[in-house]
Amino acid sequence: MSRSGTIALLGRPNAGKSTLVNALLGEKVAIVSATPQTTRHRITGVLTEARGQAVFFDLPGVHRPLHRLNVQMMHALRDTLAEVDVILQLFDASADPGAGEEFVVGLLDGVTAPAVLVANKVDLPGVHARLDERTAFYAARHAYAATTAISALTGERLPELKATIFALLPEGEPWLDPTLTTTQSERFFVTELIREAMLERVKKELPFTSTVHLRQFEEEGSGGLLRIFADIVVDRDSQKGIVVGRAGAMIKEIGSAARARIEALLGVRVYLDLRVKARPGWREDGGFLSELDQVEASWTDAGGDPNGP
């Protein structure tokens, strides 16, 4: 019996959602950073096995929306919860739950899909001593279809989690190409890898006020040089110096790291022209946000149906 369907990963920033979806798929489809709100888009990962196909949506971390960008992120999150077959609600098992986690549980009100409560980061010291207490906080607020404890980082109990997911998915054949591991475009991954290289180096100075705008993406013949022109966009002129660095050292370091990752991912030689631009209020600029969203491959373009097979 084959089972196929969609799964949303829900949780607070840094609950480990991106790490988990990468671990379940066995390869990187979402960037991972210690900076909250790293995931801004609905990352799609595809896992196809003999028992069926699971399509994962790695949602943005649940947070209070302060800008148009954050509002869009939360709208996408709520829309996804209403359409998927299964929800995985992750929480950081090493931290005491509070008002933020209570808000996350509240997002499940009125949602018909079964939810699995997933305690993550059980590999950290001292977690098991209070795991039952912290799990009870959530169980008292929602009727979960199942509860489990894992480490997305080490892979502990991931086979059991996969089994739980497939057991809850509806019967049906895969509807996406079984060779796919993601429905995102190459352009999307290029911008994500640049953003990851930047966040690793300036996350303390620019945690939420920067993005990457892909200006041009040109491939010179089959197997030729890939020419990428992109901007790191910040909120203020004063922030440009942080990204550029003394005598351009920081932007060169970011560019070198990003180029190496893009070449490893795509298997081609890359020329990367990376610049820094200040665009005050970009998080409130609907037109610019639409430009950023166009880089992300749409679900329809990938040949899927958001409501299932």
C-alpha atoms as a PDB file:
ATOM      1  CA  MET A   1       0.000   0.000   0.000  1.00  0.00           C
ATOM      2  CA  SER A   2       1.519   3.293  -1.123  1.00  0.00           C
ATOM      3  CA  ARG A   3       0.954   6.469   0.874  1.00  0.00           C
ATOM      4  CA  SER A   4       1.669   9.969  -0.404  1.00  0.00           C
ATOM      5  CA  GLY A   5       0.959  13.485   0.791  1.00  0.00           C
ATOM      6  CA  THR A   6       2.202  16.761   2.182  1.00  0.00           C
ATOM      7  CA  ILE A   7       3.757  17.557   5.561  1.00  0.00           C
ATOM      8  CA  ALA A   8       4.298  20.979   7.165  1.00  0.00           C
ATOM      9  CA  LEU A   9       7.079  21.571   9.681  1.00  0.00           C
ATOM     10  CA  LEU A  10       5.844  24.029  12.306  1.00  0.00           C
ATOM     11  CA  GLY A  11       7.724  25.590  15.197  1.00  0.00           C
ATOM     12  CA  ARG A  12       9.504  28.560  16.704  1.00  0.00           C
ATOM     13  CA  PRO A  13      12.677  29.958  15.096  1.00  0.00           C
ATOM     14  CA  ASN A  14      15.619  27.637  15.659  1.00  0.00           C
ATOM     15  CA  ALA A  15      13.497  24.659  16.662  1.00  0.00           C
ATOM     16  CA  GLY A  16      15.519  22.731  14.070  1.00  0.00           C
ATOM     17  CA  LYS A  17      13.011  22.497  11.216  1.00  0.00           C
ATOM     18  CA  SER A  18      15.520  23.089   8.409  1.00  0.00           C
ATOM     19  CA  THR A  19      18.004  20.673   9.970  1.00  0.00           C
ATOM     20  CA  LEU A  20      15.256  18.057  10.193  1.00  0.00           C
ATOM     21  CA  VAL A  21      14.035  18.344   6.611  1.00  0.00           C
ATOM     22  CA  ASN A  22      17.634  18.138   5.366  1.00  0.00           C
ATOM     23  CA  ALA A  23      18.222  15.059   7.544  1.00  0.00           C
ATOM     24  CA  LEU A  24      15.019  13.333   6.389  1.00  0.00           C
ATOM     25  CA  LEU A  25      15.942  13.868   2.747  1.00  0.00           C
ATOM     26  CA  GLY A  26      19.611  13.049   3.194  1.00  0.00           C
ATOM     27  CA  GLU A  27      20.707  16.230   1.457  1.00  0.00           C
ATOM     28  CA  LYS A  28      20.541  19.978   1.855  1.00  0.00           C
ATOM     29  CA  VAL A  29      17.378  21.698   0.599  1.00  0.00           C
ATOM     30  CA  ALA A  30      17.166  24.430   3.274  1.00  0.00           C
ATOM     31  CA  ILE A  31      19.860  26.663   4.713  1.00  0.00           C
ATOM     32  CA  VAL A  32      20.677  26.213   8.369  1.00  0.00           C
ATOM     33  CA  SER A  33      21.841  29.058  10.597  1.00  0.00           C
ATOM     34  CA  ALA A  34      21.846  29.978  14.276  1.00  0.00           C
ATOM     35  CA  THR A  35      20.100  33.199  13.240  1.00  0.00           C
ATOM     36  CA  PRO A  36      16.314  33.164  13.853  1.00  0.00           C
ATOM     37  CA  GLN A  37      14.009  33.540  10.836  1.00  0.00           C
ATOM     38  CA  THR A  38      16.578  32.020   8.466  1.00  0.00           C
ATOM     39  CA  THR A  39      13.803  30.282   6.516  1.00  0.00           C
ATOM     40  CA  ARG A  40      11.749  32.970   4.750  1.00  0.00           C
ATOM     41  CA  HIS A  41      10.111  30.818   2.102  1.00  0.00           C
ATOM     42  CA  ARG A  42       8.108  27.607   2.109  1.00  0.00           C
ATOM     43  CA  ILE A  43      10.984  25.271   1.257  1.00  0.00           C
ATOM     44  CA  THR A  44       9.764  22.119  -0.485  1.00  0.00           C
ATOM     45  CA  GLY A  45      11.597  18.823   0.034  1.00  0.00           C
ATOM     46  CA  VAL A  46      10.534  15.552  -1.581  1.00  0.00           C
ATOM     47  CA  LEU A  47      11.161  12.118  -0.063  1.00  0.00           C
ATOM     48  CA  THR A  48      10.214   9.120  -2.223  1.00  0.00           C
ATOM     49  CA  GLU A  49      10.516   5.579  -0.885  1.00  0.00           C
ATOM     50  CA  ALA A  50       8.986   2.200  -1.660  1.00  0.00           C
ATOM     51  CA  ARG A  51       6.198   2.995   0.822  1.00  0.00           C
ATOM     52  CA  GLY A  52       5.238   6.256  -0.927  1.00  0.00           C
ATOM     53  CA  GLN A  53       6.127   9.920  -1.230  1.00  0.00           C
ATOM     54  CA  ALA A  54       6.315  12.609   1.455  1.00  0.00           C
ATOM     55  CA  VAL A  55       6.479  16.265   0.385  1.00  0.00           C
ATOM     56  CA  PHE A  56       7.783  18.510   3.160  1.00  0.00           C
ATOM     57  CA  PHE A  57       7.163  22.225   3.632  1.00  0.00           C
ATOM     58  CA  ASP A  58       9.797  23.793   5.890  1.00  0.00           C
ATOM     59  CA  LEU A  59       7.858  26.805   7.126  1.00  0.00           C
ATOM     60  CA  PRO A  60       9.295  30.072   8.470  1.00  0.00           C
ATOM     61  CA  GLY A  61       9.746  30.111  12.237  1.00  0.00           C
ATOM     62  CA  VAL A  62       6.658  31.392  14.056  1.00  0.00           C
ATOM     63  CA  HIS A  63       7.227  34.974  15.203  1.00  0.00           C
ATOM     64  CA  ARG A  64       5.419  38.275  15.693  1.00  0.00           C
ATOM     65  CA  PRO A  65       5.144  40.047  12.314  1.00  0.00           C
ATOM     66  CA  LEU A  66       6.647  43.531  12.436  1.00  0.00           C
ATOM     67  CA  HIS A  67       7.079  44.230   8.714  1.00  0.00           C
ATOM     68  CA  ARG A  68       5.286  43.443   5.465  1.00  0.00           C
ATOM     69  CA  LEU A  69       7.894  40.740   4.837  1.00  0.00           C
ATOM     70  CA  ASN A  70       7.060  39.029   8.151  1.00  0.00           C
ATOM     71  CA  VAL A  71       3.323  39.382   7.532  1.00  0.00           C
ATOM     72  CA  GLN A  72       3.736  37.605   4.177  1.00  0.00           C
ATOM     73  CA  MET A  73       5.713  34.850   5.883  1.00  0.00           C
ATOM     74  CA  MET A  74       2.962  34.292   8.460  1.00  0.00           C
ATOM     75  CA  HIS A  75       0.223  34.317   5.796  1.00  0.00           C
ATOM     76  CA  ALA A  76       2.110  31.601   3.896  1.00  0.00           C
ATOM     77  CA  LEU A  77       2.452  29.604   7.092  1.00  0.00           C
ATOM     78  CA  ARG A  78      -1.265  29.711   7.923  1.00  0.00           C
ATOM     79  CA  ASP A  79      -2.237  28.868   4.329  1.00  0.00           C
ATOM     80  CA  THR A  80       0.062  25.854   4.349  1.00  0.00           C
ATOM     81  CA  LEU A  81      -1.321  24.493   7.622  1.00  0.00           C
ATOM     82  CA  ALA A  82      -4.797  24.564   6.083  1.00  0.00           C
ATOM     83  CA  GLU A  83      -3.802  22.505   3.038  1.00  0.00           C
ATOM     84  CA  VAL A  84      -1.359  19.797   4.182  1.00  0.00           C
ATOM     85  CA  ASP A  85      -2.068  16.200   5.167  1.00  0.00           C
ATOM     86  CA  VAL A  86       0.183  16.044   8.250  1.00  0.00           C
ATOM     87  CA  ILE A  87       1.830  18.614  10.548  1.00  0.00           C
ATOM     88  CA  LEU A  88       5.082  18.088  12.431  1.00  0.00           C
ATOM     89  CA  GLN A  89       5.263  20.529  15.338  1.00  0.00           C
ATOM     90  CA  LEU A  90       8.866  20.783  16.493  1.00  0.00           C
ATOM     91  CA  PHE A  91      10.021  22.251  19.764  1.00  0.00           C
ATOM     92  CA  ASP A  92      13.444  22.721  21.298  1.00  0.00           C
ATOM     93  CA  ALA A  93      13.554  20.096  24.041  1.00  0.00           C
ATOM     94  CA  SER A  94      16.404  21.917  25.785  1.00  0.00           C
ATOM     95  CA  ALA A  95      14.347  25.054  26.495  1.00  0.00           C
ATOM     96  CA  ASP A  96      11.384  25.696  28.761  1.00  0.00           C
ATOM     97  CA  PRO A  97       8.195  26.493  26.817  1.00  0.00           C
ATOM     98  CA  GLY A  98       6.539  29.884  27.217  1.00  0.00           C
ATOM     99  CA  ALA A  99       4.127  32.283  25.554  1.00  0.00           C
ATOM    100  CA  GLY A 100       5.754  31.859  22.146  1.00  0.00           C
ATOM    101  CA  GLU A 101       5.258  28.111  22.192  1.00  0.00           C
ATOM    102  CA  GLU A 102       1.671  28.565  23.391  1.00  0.00           C
ATOM    103  CA  PHE A 103       1.068  30.759  20.332  1.00  0.00           C
ATOM    104  CA  VAL A 104       2.453  28.011  18.089  1.00  0.00           C
ATOM    105  CA  VAL A 105       0.039  25.468  19.562  1.00  0.00           C
ATOM    106  CA  GLY A 106      -2.797  27.944  19.009  1.00  0.00           C
ATOM    107  CA  LEU A 107      -2.090  27.881  15.270  1.00  0.00           C
ATOM    108  CA  LEU A 108      -3.407  24.304  15.261  1.00  0.00           C
ATOM    109  CA  ASP A 109      -6.871  25.431  16.390  1.00  0.00           C
ATOM    110  CA  GLY A 110      -9.335  24.593  13.632  1.00  0.00           C
ATOM    111  CA  VAL A 111      -6.742  22.688  11.590  1.00  0.00           C
ATOM    112  CA  THR A 112      -8.009  19.261  10.565  1.00  0.00           C
ATOM    113  CA  ALA A 113      -4.697  17.597   9.662  1.00  0.00           C
ATOM    114  CA  PRO A 114      -3.216  15.286  12.315  1.00  0.00           C
ATOM    115  CA  ALA A 115      -0.268  16.829  14.153  1.00  0.00           C
ATOM    116  CA  VAL A 116       2.795  15.013  15.458  1.00  0.00           C
ATOM    117  CA  LEU A 117       4.596  16.590  18.418  1.00  0.00           C
ATOM    118  CA  VAL A 118       8.355  16.324  17.895  1.00  0.00           C
ATOM    119  CA  ALA A 119      10.789  17.111  20.707  1.00  0.00           C
ATOM    120  CA  ASN A 120      14.057  17.975  18.977  1.00  0.00           C
ATOM    121  CA  LYS A 121      17.665  18.327  20.235  1.00  0.00           C
ATOM    122  CA  VAL A 122      17.492  15.392  22.651  1.00  0.00           C
ATOM    123  CA  ASP A 123      21.239  14.933  22.054  1.00  0.00           C
ATOM    124  CA  LEU A 124      21.952  17.965  24.262  1.00  0.00           C
ATOM    125  CA  PRO A 125      23.090  17.363  27.861  1.00  0.00           C
ATOM    126  CA  GLY A 126      20.403  17.246  30.540  1.00  0.00           C
ATOM    127  CA  VAL A 127      17.440  17.258  28.147  1.00  0.00           C
ATOM    128  CA  HIS A 128      15.953  13.917  29.184  1.00  0.00           C
ATOM    129  CA  ALA A 129      15.641  14.984  32.821  1.00  0.00           C
ATOM    130  CA  ARG A 130      12.851  17.433  31.939  1.00  0.00           C
ATOM    131  CA  LEU A 131      11.614  16.008  28.643  1.00  0.00           C
ATOM    132  CA  ASP A 132       8.369  14.579  30.038  1.00  0.00           C
ATOM    133  CA  GLU A 133       7.559  17.855  31.781  1.00  0.00           C
ATOM    134  CA  ARG A 134       8.145  19.932  28.660  1.00  0.00           C
ATOM    135  CA  THR A 135       6.225  17.516  26.442  1.00  0.00           C
ATOM    136  CA  ALA A 136       3.274  17.643  28.847  1.00  0.00           C
ATOM    137  CA  PHE A 137       3.029  21.413  28.317  1.00  0.00           C
ATOM    138  CA  TYR A 138       2.050  20.828  24.686  1.00  0.00           C
ATOM    139  CA  ALA A 139       0.004  17.675  25.234  1.00  0.00           C
ATOM    140  CA  ALA A 140      -2.244  19.596  27.646  1.00  0.00           C
ATOM    141  CA  ARG A 141      -3.069  22.091  24.899  1.00  0.00           C
ATOM    142  CA  HIS A 142      -3.651  19.927  21.827  1.00  0.00           C
ATOM    143  CA  ALA A 143      -4.623  16.345  20.985  1.00  0.00           C
ATOM    144  CA  TYR A 144      -1.625  15.123  18.986  1.00  0.00           C
ATOM    145  CA  ALA A 145      -1.825  12.089  16.750  1.00  0.00           C
ATOM    146  CA  ALA A 146       1.609  10.991  17.996  1.00  0.00           C
ATOM    147  CA  THR A 147       4.517  12.227  20.105  1.00  0.00           C
ATOM    148  CA  THR A 148       8.201  11.489  19.625  1.00  0.00           C
ATOM    149  CA  ALA A 149      11.649  12.731  20.648  1.00  0.00           C
ATOM    150  CA  ILE A 150      14.508  13.017  18.140  1.00  0.00           C
ATOM    151  CA  SER A 151      17.787  14.644  17.305  1.00  0.00           C
ATOM    152  CA  ALA A 152      17.700  16.085  13.784  1.00  0.00           C
ATOM    153  CA  LEU A 153      21.425  16.763  14.121  1.00  0.00           C
ATOM    154  CA  THR A 154      22.533  13.219  14.986  1.00  0.00           C
ATOM    155  CA  GLY A 155      19.681  11.336  13.308  1.00  0.00           C
ATOM    156  CA  GLU A 156      18.466   9.743  16.541  1.00  0.00           C
ATOM    157  CA  ARG A 157      14.986   8.159  16.062  1.00  0.00           C
ATOM    158  CA  LEU A 158      14.554   9.587  12.546  1.00  0.00           C
ATOM    159  CA  PRO A 159      13.588   6.154  11.111  1.00  0.00           C
ATOM    160  CA  GLU A 160      10.779   5.953  13.685  1.00  0.00           C
ATOM    161  CA  LEU A 161       9.645   9.472  12.802  1.00  0.00           C
ATOM    162  CA  LYS A 162       9.548   8.572   9.098  1.00  0.00           C
ATOM    163  CA  ALA A 163       7.430   5.523   9.898  1.00  0.00           C
ATOM    164  CA  THR A 164       5.006   7.701  11.880  1.00  0.00           C
ATOM    165  CA  ILE A 165       4.736  10.191   9.011  1.00  0.00           C
ATOM    166  CA  PHE A 166       3.982   7.571   6.363  1.00  0.00           C
ATOM    167  CA  ALA A 167       1.414   5.886   8.607  1.00  0.00           C
ATOM    168  CA  LEU A 168      -0.525   9.163   8.815  1.00  0.00           C
ATOM    169  CA  LEU A 169      -0.377  10.036   5.100  1.00  0.00           C
ATOM    170  CA  PRO A 170      -3.381   9.153   2.923  1.00  0.00           C
ATOM    171  CA  GLU A 171      -3.260   6.218   0.547  1.00  0.00           C
ATOM    172  CA  GLY A 172      -2.146   7.196  -2.936  1.00  0.00           C
ATOM    173  CA  GLU A 173       0.626   6.990  -5.490  1.00  0.00           C
ATOM    174  CA  PRO A 174       3.422   9.593  -5.744  1.00  0.00           C
ATOM    175  CA  TRP A 175       2.476  12.499  -7.983  1.00  0.00           C
ATOM    176  CA  LEU A 176       5.907  14.137  -8.248  1.00  0.00           C
ATOM    177  CA  ASP A 177       8.891  12.781 -10.148  1.00  0.00           C
ATOM    178  CA  PRO A 178      10.491  10.260  -7.733  1.00  0.00           C
ATOM    179  CA  THR A 179      13.964  11.515  -8.680  1.00  0.00           C
ATOM    180  CA  LEU A 180      13.187  14.976  -7.258  1.00  0.00           C
ATOM    181  CA  THR A 181      14.362  15.981  -3.799  1.00  0.00           C
ATOM    182  CA  THR A 182      13.046  19.542  -4.067  1.00  0.00           C
ATOM    183  CA  THR A 183      10.813  21.674  -6.290  1.00  0.00           C
ATOM    184  CA  GLN A 184      12.904  24.817  -5.839  1.00  0.00           C
ATOM    185  CA  SER A 185      14.738  26.316  -8.800  1.00  0.00           C
ATOM    186  CA  GLU A 186      18.518  26.600  -9.220  1.00  0.00           C
ATOM    187  CA  ARG A 187      18.141  30.367  -8.923  1.00  0.00           C
ATOM    188  CA  PHE A 188      16.456  29.993  -5.567  1.00  0.00           C
ATOM    189  CA  PHE A 189      19.272  27.831  -4.220  1.00  0.00           C
ATOM    190  CA  VAL A 190      21.884  30.269  -5.505  1.00  0.00           C
ATOM    191  CA  THR A 191      20.336  33.122  -3.519  1.00  0.00           C
ATOM    192  CA  GLU A 192      20.004  30.884  -0.445  1.00  0.00           C
ATOM    193  CA  LEU A 193      23.662  29.836  -0.570  1.00  0.00           C
ATOM    194  CA  ILE A 194      24.779  33.456  -0.860  1.00  0.00           C
ATOM    195  CA  ARG A 195      22.540  34.376   2.072  1.00  0.00           C
ATOM    196  CA  GLU A 196      23.881  31.464   4.115  1.00  0.00           C
ATOM    197  CA  ALA A 197      27.496  32.525   3.494  1.00  0.00           C
ATOM    198  CA  MET A 198      26.594  36.062   4.557  1.00  0.00           C
ATOM    199  CA  LEU A 199      24.687  35.037   7.712  1.00  0.00           C
ATOM    200  CA  GLU A 200      27.598  32.923   8.886  1.00  0.00           C
ATOM    201  CA  ARG A 201      29.778  36.030   8.927  1.00  0.00           C
ATOM    202  CA  VAL A 202      27.516  38.960   9.895  1.00  0.00           C
ATOM    203  CA  LYS A 203      24.598  37.294  11.711  1.00  0.00           C
ATOM    204  CA  LYS A 204      25.148  39.325  14.876  1.00  0.00           C
ATOM    205  CA  GLU A 205      25.219  42.656  13.051  1.00  0.00           C
ATOM    206  CA  LEU A 206      22.479  42.033  10.465  1.00  0.00           C
ATOM    207  CA  PRO A 207      20.154  39.281  11.686  1.00  0.00           C
ATOM    208  CA  PHE A 208      16.932  40.390   9.978  1.00  0.00           C
ATOM    209  CA  THR A 209      17.731  43.449   7.851  1.00  0.00           C
ATOM    210  CA  SER A 210      19.433  41.869   4.851  1.00  0.00           C
ATOM    211  CA  THR A 211      18.461  39.801   1.824  1.00  0.00           C
ATOM    212  CA  VAL A 212      19.881  38.685  -1.519  1.00  0.00           C
ATOM    213  CA  HIS A 213      18.556  39.986  -4.830  1.00  0.00           C
ATOM    214  CA  LEU A 214      19.526  37.986  -7.918  1.00  0.00           C
ATOM    215  CA  ARG A 215      20.004  40.410 -10.821  1.00  0.00           C
ATOM    216  CA  GLN A 216      21.250  38.106 -13.571  1.00  0.00           C
ATOM    217  CA  PHE A 217      21.780  34.374 -14.106  1.00  0.00           C
ATOM    218  CA  GLU A 218      23.527  33.403 -17.361  1.00  0.00           C
ATOM    219  CA  GLU A 219      24.942  30.055 -18.459  1.00  0.00           C
ATOM    220  CA  GLU A 220      27.455  30.130 -21.315  1.00  0.00           C
ATOM    221  CA  GLY A 221      26.638  26.965 -23.246  1.00  0.00           C
ATOM    222  CA  SER A 222      26.278  23.393 -21.994  1.00  0.00           C
ATOM    223  CA  GLY A 223      28.718  22.809 -19.148  1.00  0.00           C
ATOM    224  CA  GLY A 224      30.139  26.289 -19.552  1.00  0.00           C
ATOM    225  CA  LEU A 225      30.714  29.105 -17.129  1.00  0.00           C
ATOM    226  CA  LEU A 226      27.715  30.196 -15.040  1.00  0.00           C
ATOM    227  CA  ARG A 227      27.688  33.964 -14.569  1.00  0.00           C
ATOM    228  CA  ILE A 228      25.754  35.202 -11.537  1.00  0.00           C
ATOM    229  CA  PHE A 229      25.150  38.846 -10.657  1.00  0.00           C
ATOM    230  CA  ALA A 230      23.600  39.437  -7.255  1.00  0.00           C
ATOM    231  CA  ASP A 231      23.160  42.138  -4.621  1.00  0.00           C
ATOM    232  CA  ILE A 232      23.234  41.798  -0.872  1.00  0.00           C
ATOM    233  CA  VAL A 233      20.547  44.290   0.141  1.00  0.00           C
ATOM    234  CA  VAL A 234      20.639  46.021   3.528  1.00  0.00           C
ATOM    235  CA  ASP A 235      18.399  48.591   5.194  1.00  0.00           C
ATOM    236  CA  ARG A 236      20.834  51.464   5.723  1.00  0.00           C
ATOM    237  CA  ASP A 237      24.015  52.899   4.235  1.00  0.00           C
ATOM    238  CA  SER A 238      25.736  52.410   7.591  1.00  0.00           C
ATOM    239  CA  GLN A 239      25.203  48.641   7.240  1.00  0.00           C
ATOM    240  CA  LYS A 240      26.976  48.452   3.887  1.00  0.00           C
ATOM    241  CA  GLY A 241      30.344  48.849   5.574  1.00  0.00           C
ATOM    242  CA  ILE A 242      29.689  45.790   7.740  1.00  0.00           C
ATOM    243  CA  VAL A 243      29.113  43.567   4.726  1.00  0.00           C
ATOM    244  CA  VAL A 244      31.853  45.111   2.582  1.00  0.00           C
ATOM    245  CA  GLY A 245      34.428  45.039   5.382  1.00  0.00           C
ATOM    246  CA  ARG A 246      37.783  46.766   5.539  1.00  0.00           C
ATOM    247  CA  ALA A 247      39.189  47.173   2.023  1.00  0.00           C
ATOM    248  CA  GLY A 248      36.401  44.866   0.762  1.00  0.00           C
ATOM    249  CA  ALA A 249      37.675  41.873   2.746  1.00  0.00           C
ATOM    250  CA  MET A 250      34.270  40.729   4.064  1.00  0.00           C
ATOM    251  CA  ILE A 251      32.393  40.801   0.749  1.00  0.00           C
ATOM    252  CA  LYS A 252      35.286  38.922  -0.881  1.00  0.00           C
ATOM    253  CA  GLU A 253      35.128  36.269   1.822  1.00  0.00           C
ATOM    254  CA  ILE A 254      31.339  35.947   1.453  1.00  0.00           C
ATOM    255  CA  GLY A 255      31.641  35.749  -2.329  1.00  0.00           C
ATOM    256  CA  SER A 256      34.377  33.089  -2.229  1.00  0.00           C
ATOM    257  CA  ALA A 257      32.412  30.903   0.190  1.00  0.00           C
ATOM    258  CA  ALA A 258      29.170  31.283  -1.763  1.00  0.00           C
ATOM    259  CA  ARG A 259      30.852  30.589  -5.108  1.00  0.00           C
ATOM    260  CA  ALA A 260      32.432  27.373  -3.807  1.00  0.00           C
ATOM    261  CA  ARG A 261      29.063  26.128  -2.521  1.00  0.00           C
ATOM    262  CA  ILE A 262      27.255  27.003  -5.740  1.00  0.00           C
ATOM    263  CA  GLU A 263      29.886  25.205  -7.806  1.00  0.00           C
ATOM    264  CA  ALA A 264      29.609  22.135  -5.561  1.00  0.00           C
ATOM    265  CA  LEU A 265      25.815  22.140  -5.829  1.00  0.00           C
ATOM    266  CA  LEU A 266      25.495  22.725  -9.584  1.00  0.00           C
ATOM    267  CA  GLY A 267      28.690  21.062 -10.773  1.00  0.00           C
ATOM    268  CA  VAL A 268      29.746  23.976 -12.994  1.00  0.00           C
ATOM    269  CA  ARG A 269      32.325  26.767 -12.892  1.00  0.00           C
ATOM    270  CA  VAL A 270      30.841  29.979 -11.483  1.00  0.00           C
ATOM    271  CA  TYR A 271      31.645  33.648 -11.898  1.00  0.00           C
ATOM    272  CA  LEU A 272      29.943  35.539  -9.065  1.00  0.00           C
ATOM    273  CA  ASP A 273      29.585  39.319  -9.168  1.00  0.00           C
ATOM    274  CA  LEU A 274      28.416  40.173  -5.650  1.00  0.00           C
ATOM    275  CA  ARG A 275      27.682  43.739  -4.581  1.00  0.00           C
ATOM    276  CA  VAL A 276      26.153  45.459  -1.560  1.00  0.00           C
ATOM    277  CA  LYS A 277      23.289  47.938  -1.866  1.00  0.00           C
ATOM    278  CA  ALA A 278      21.316  49.915   0.703  1.00  0.00           C
ATOM    279  CA  ARG A 279      17.564  49.907   0.125  1.00  0.00           C
ATOM    280  CA  PRO A 280      15.835  51.638   3.063  1.00  0.00           C
ATOM    281  CA  GLY A 281      12.502  50.035   3.982  1.00  0.00           C
ATOM    282  CA  TRP A 282      12.861  47.058   1.646  1.00  0.00           C
ATOM    283  CA  ARG A 283      10.891  44.837   4.062  1.00  0.00           C
ATOM    284  CA  GLU A 284       7.864  47.110   3.517  1.00  0.00           C
ATOM    285  CA  ASP A 285       8.291  47.434  -0.272  1.00  0.00           C
ATOM    286  CA  GLY A 286       5.651  45.202  -1.872  1.00  0.00           C
ATOM    287  CA  GLY A 287       7.115  45.533  -5.359  1.00  0.00           C
ATOM    288  CA  PHE A 288      10.611  44.546  -4.252  1.00  0.00           C
ATOM    289  CA  LEU A 289       9.283  41.639  -2.158  1.00  0.00           C
ATOM    290  CA  SER A 290       7.460  40.386  -5.258  1.00  0.00           C
ATOM    291  CA  GLU A 291      10.746  40.477  -7.174  1.00  0.00           C
ATOM    292  CA  LEU A 292      12.355  38.360  -4.469  1.00  0.00           C
ATOM    293  CA  ASP A 293       9.467  35.896  -4.518  1.00  0.00           C
ATOM    294  CA  GLN A 294       9.769  35.415  -8.289  1.00  0.00           C
ATOM    295  CA  VAL A 295      13.089  33.656  -7.750  1.00  0.00           C
ATOM    296  CA  GLU A 296      11.295  30.858  -5.875  1.00  0.00           C
ATOM    297  CA  ALA A 297       9.938  28.148  -8.162  1.00  0.00           C
ATOM    298  CA  SER A 298       6.180  27.859  -7.817  1.00  0.00           C
ATOM    299  CA  TRP A 299       4.447  24.636  -6.817  1.00  0.00           C
ATOM    300  CA  THR A 300       2.431  24.678 -10.038  1.00  0.00           C
ATOM    301  CA  ASP A 301       5.561  25.042 -12.178  1.00  0.00           C
ATOM    302  CA  ALA A 302       6.954  21.928 -10.501  1.00  0.00           C
ATOM    303  CA  GLY A 303       3.945  19.963 -11.701  1.00  0.00           C
ATOM    304  CA  GLY A 304       2.257  19.390  -8.369  1.00  0.00           C
ATOM    305  CA  ASP A 305      -1.075  19.904  -6.770  1.00  0.00           C
ATOM    306  CA  PRO A 306      -1.077  21.640  -3.370  1.00  0.00           C
ATOM    307  CA  ASN A 307      -4.202  19.737  -2.365  1.00  0.00           C
ATOM    308  CA  GLY A 308      -2.717  16.319  -2.964  1.00  0.00           C
ATOM    309  CA  PRO A 309      -3.016  13.648  -5.660  1.00  0.00           C
END
